[in-house]
Amino acid sequence: MKYRRIYQTLEQYGAKIAYDGSGWRYAERFQTYIQRTRPLWIVAEAPARGRRIWISHESGRFFVTTADMTIPSNSREYHKSQLRRMACSQGDVADYLKSLLAGPPSTAV
């Protein structure tokens, strides 16, 4: 499976995948432009850690965005709590996820 390490890390630390719109799951000839340029697109939630996590692989770059899910999502504080980080490889993403999900619960910013 493509992106195995990322999926395994999410599962290992109890994060639930709320949405998986990853383009890698589709057959090559049926892929849309967006699915080709964004083969990985996951929204995961880790309620025990108070985090919502977006993971993407877009145009050859990995991105991990996190937000404090204990804050109402329609508030300014929620948007201020969002942090985006770029990673070079799937292993870097898995290591970063491990540090996020194995650490102490998030506190509101």
Protein backbone atom coordinates (compact mmCIF):
# COMPACT_ATOMS: atom_id res chain seq x y z
CA MET A 1 0.00 0.00 0.00
CA LYS A 2 1.25 3.43 -0.89
CA TYR A 3 1.85 5.73 2.13
CA ARG A 4 1.78 2.69 4.44
CA ARG A 5 3.88 4.30 7.16
CA ILE A 6 1.55 7.28 7.47
CA TYR A 7 -1.58 5.13 7.72
CA GLN A 8 0.11 2.78 10.22
CA THR A 9 1.21 5.68 12.43
CA LEU A 10 -2.31 7.12 12.51
CA GLU A 11 -3.74 3.72 13.41
CA GLN A 12 -1.07 2.93 15.98
CA TYR A 13 -1.75 6.12 17.95
CA GLY A 14 -5.54 5.93 17.78
CA ALA A 15 -6.25 8.69 15.26
CA LYS A 16 -9.46 8.16 13.30
CA ILE A 17 -9.51 9.02 9.61
CA ALA A 18 -12.51 11.30 9.14
CA TYR A 19 -11.98 11.73 5.38
CA ASP A 20 -9.67 10.11 2.87
CA GLY A 21 -9.78 11.68 -0.57
CA SER A 22 -6.44 10.28 -1.66
CA GLY A 23 -5.96 9.99 -5.40
CA TRP A 24 -3.57 7.02 -5.16
CA ARG A 25 -6.57 4.72 -4.60
CA TYR A 26 -7.88 5.26 -8.14
CA ALA A 27 -6.75 3.46 -11.28
CA GLU A 28 -4.33 5.53 -13.34
CA ARG A 29 -6.54 5.97 -16.36
CA PHE A 30 -9.52 7.17 -14.29
CA GLN A 31 -7.61 9.73 -12.23
CA THR A 32 -8.56 13.37 -12.45
CA TYR A 33 -6.02 16.16 -12.57
CA ILE A 34 -6.50 16.84 -8.85
CA GLN A 35 -6.02 13.17 -7.97
CA ARG A 36 -2.74 13.10 -9.92
CA THR A 37 -1.37 16.28 -8.32
CA ARG A 38 -2.65 15.42 -4.82
CA PRO A 39 -2.25 11.64 -4.39
CA LEU A 40 -2.58 11.87 -0.59
CA TRP A 41 -5.30 13.85 1.17
CA ILE A 42 -6.34 12.70 4.66
CA VAL A 43 -8.26 14.43 7.44
CA ALA A 44 -7.71 12.63 10.75
CA GLU A 45 -8.94 13.34 14.26
CA ALA A 46 -7.27 12.40 17.51
CA PRO A 47 -9.79 13.35 20.23
CA ALA A 48 -7.56 11.99 23.01
CA ARG A 49 -4.91 14.53 21.96
CA GLY A 50 -7.38 17.26 20.99
CA ARG A 51 -6.03 17.49 17.43
CA ARG A 52 -7.44 17.58 13.94
CA ILE A 53 -4.81 16.75 11.33
CA TRP A 54 -4.74 17.27 7.56
CA ILE A 55 -2.08 15.30 5.68
CA SER A 56 -1.41 15.88 2.01
CA HIS A 57 1.11 15.12 -0.68
CA GLU A 58 0.76 17.85 -3.27
CA SER A 59 2.98 18.33 -6.29
CA GLY A 60 5.79 16.29 -4.75
CA ARG A 61 5.67 17.91 -1.27
CA PHE A 62 4.22 16.57 1.97
CA PHE A 63 2.25 18.87 4.26
CA VAL A 64 0.83 18.31 7.74
CA THR A 65 -1.58 20.87 9.16
CA THR A 66 -2.89 20.60 12.70
CA ALA A 67 -5.57 22.43 14.66
CA ASP A 68 -6.90 22.33 18.21
CA MET A 69 -10.22 20.51 17.87
CA THR A 70 -11.33 21.45 21.40
CA ILE A 71 -12.03 24.96 20.09
CA PRO A 72 -15.22 25.56 18.02
CA SER A 73 -14.25 25.35 14.35
CA ASN A 74 -16.09 28.55 13.43
CA SER A 75 -14.04 30.70 15.80
CA ARG A 76 -11.03 32.88 15.18
CA GLU A 77 -9.11 31.02 17.91
CA TYR A 78 -9.53 27.74 16.00
CA HIS A 79 -8.01 29.27 12.88
CA LYS A 80 -5.19 30.78 14.91
CA SER A 81 -4.44 27.34 16.35
CA GLN A 82 -3.68 25.92 12.90
CA LEU A 83 -0.06 25.07 12.20
CA ARG A 84 1.26 23.90 8.83
CA ARG A 85 4.50 22.03 8.41
CA MET A 86 6.23 20.81 5.27
CA ALA A 87 8.04 17.47 5.18
CA CYS A 88 10.43 15.96 2.68
CA SER A 89 9.41 12.31 2.89
CA GLN A 90 6.79 9.88 4.09
CA GLY A 91 9.13 8.90 6.93
CA ASP A 92 9.38 12.53 8.07
CA VAL A 93 5.58 12.78 8.09
CA ALA A 94 5.27 9.54 10.11
CA ASP A 95 7.87 10.75 12.63
CA TYR A 96 6.12 14.10 12.99
CA LEU A 97 2.74 12.39 13.45
CA LYS A 98 4.27 10.16 16.11
CA SER A 99 5.55 13.19 18.01
CA LEU A 100 2.12 14.86 17.76
CA LEU A 101 0.07 11.85 18.75
CA ALA A 102 2.35 10.36 21.42
CA GLY A 103 2.86 13.66 23.25
CA PRO A 104 0.68 15.32 25.87
CA PRO A 105 -2.84 16.51 24.96
CA SER A 106 -3.06 19.82 23.18
CA THR A 107 -4.00 22.95 25.09
CA ALA A 108 -5.92 25.86 23.64
CA VAL A 109 -3.77 28.62 22.15
